[in-house]
Amino acid sequence: MTNTSKETTSLEQPRTPHRGSWWIVLAVIALAVLPLMFVRGEYGGADGEAEEAIGEIQPDYEPWFGAVLEPASGEVESLLFVSQAAIGAGIIGYAVGFYKGRRERSGRETS
């Protein structure tokens, strides 16, 4: 008797890979939207908060060094930050897709 990958025994549940994916998508959307709905206030960066806290703790503090690259404006700084996040997300997505494809390909070759 041969056992193919689509057969299931009485103890195994049939695989539904897309059901779990939708729950993850909904959780990510909820994590992005719920703070915008329920958190009131200003969204600022940690750099500004840290600089303000340091100024309160020690007003005559001198930084050790200056920025290597000073963006021309806040918009350019935001563009650089978003580009960095997009490149990182692309690298992570590529790695996840690469390993998933490799796993699926190895599963097809063994069956």
Foldseek 3Di string as FASTA:
>chain_A
DDDDPQDDDPPDDGDDPVVVVVVVVVVVVCVVVVCVVPPDDDDDDPVVVVVVVCCVVPVPDDDPDDDPDDDPDPVVVVVVVVVVVVVVVVVVVVVVVVVVVVVVVVVVVVD
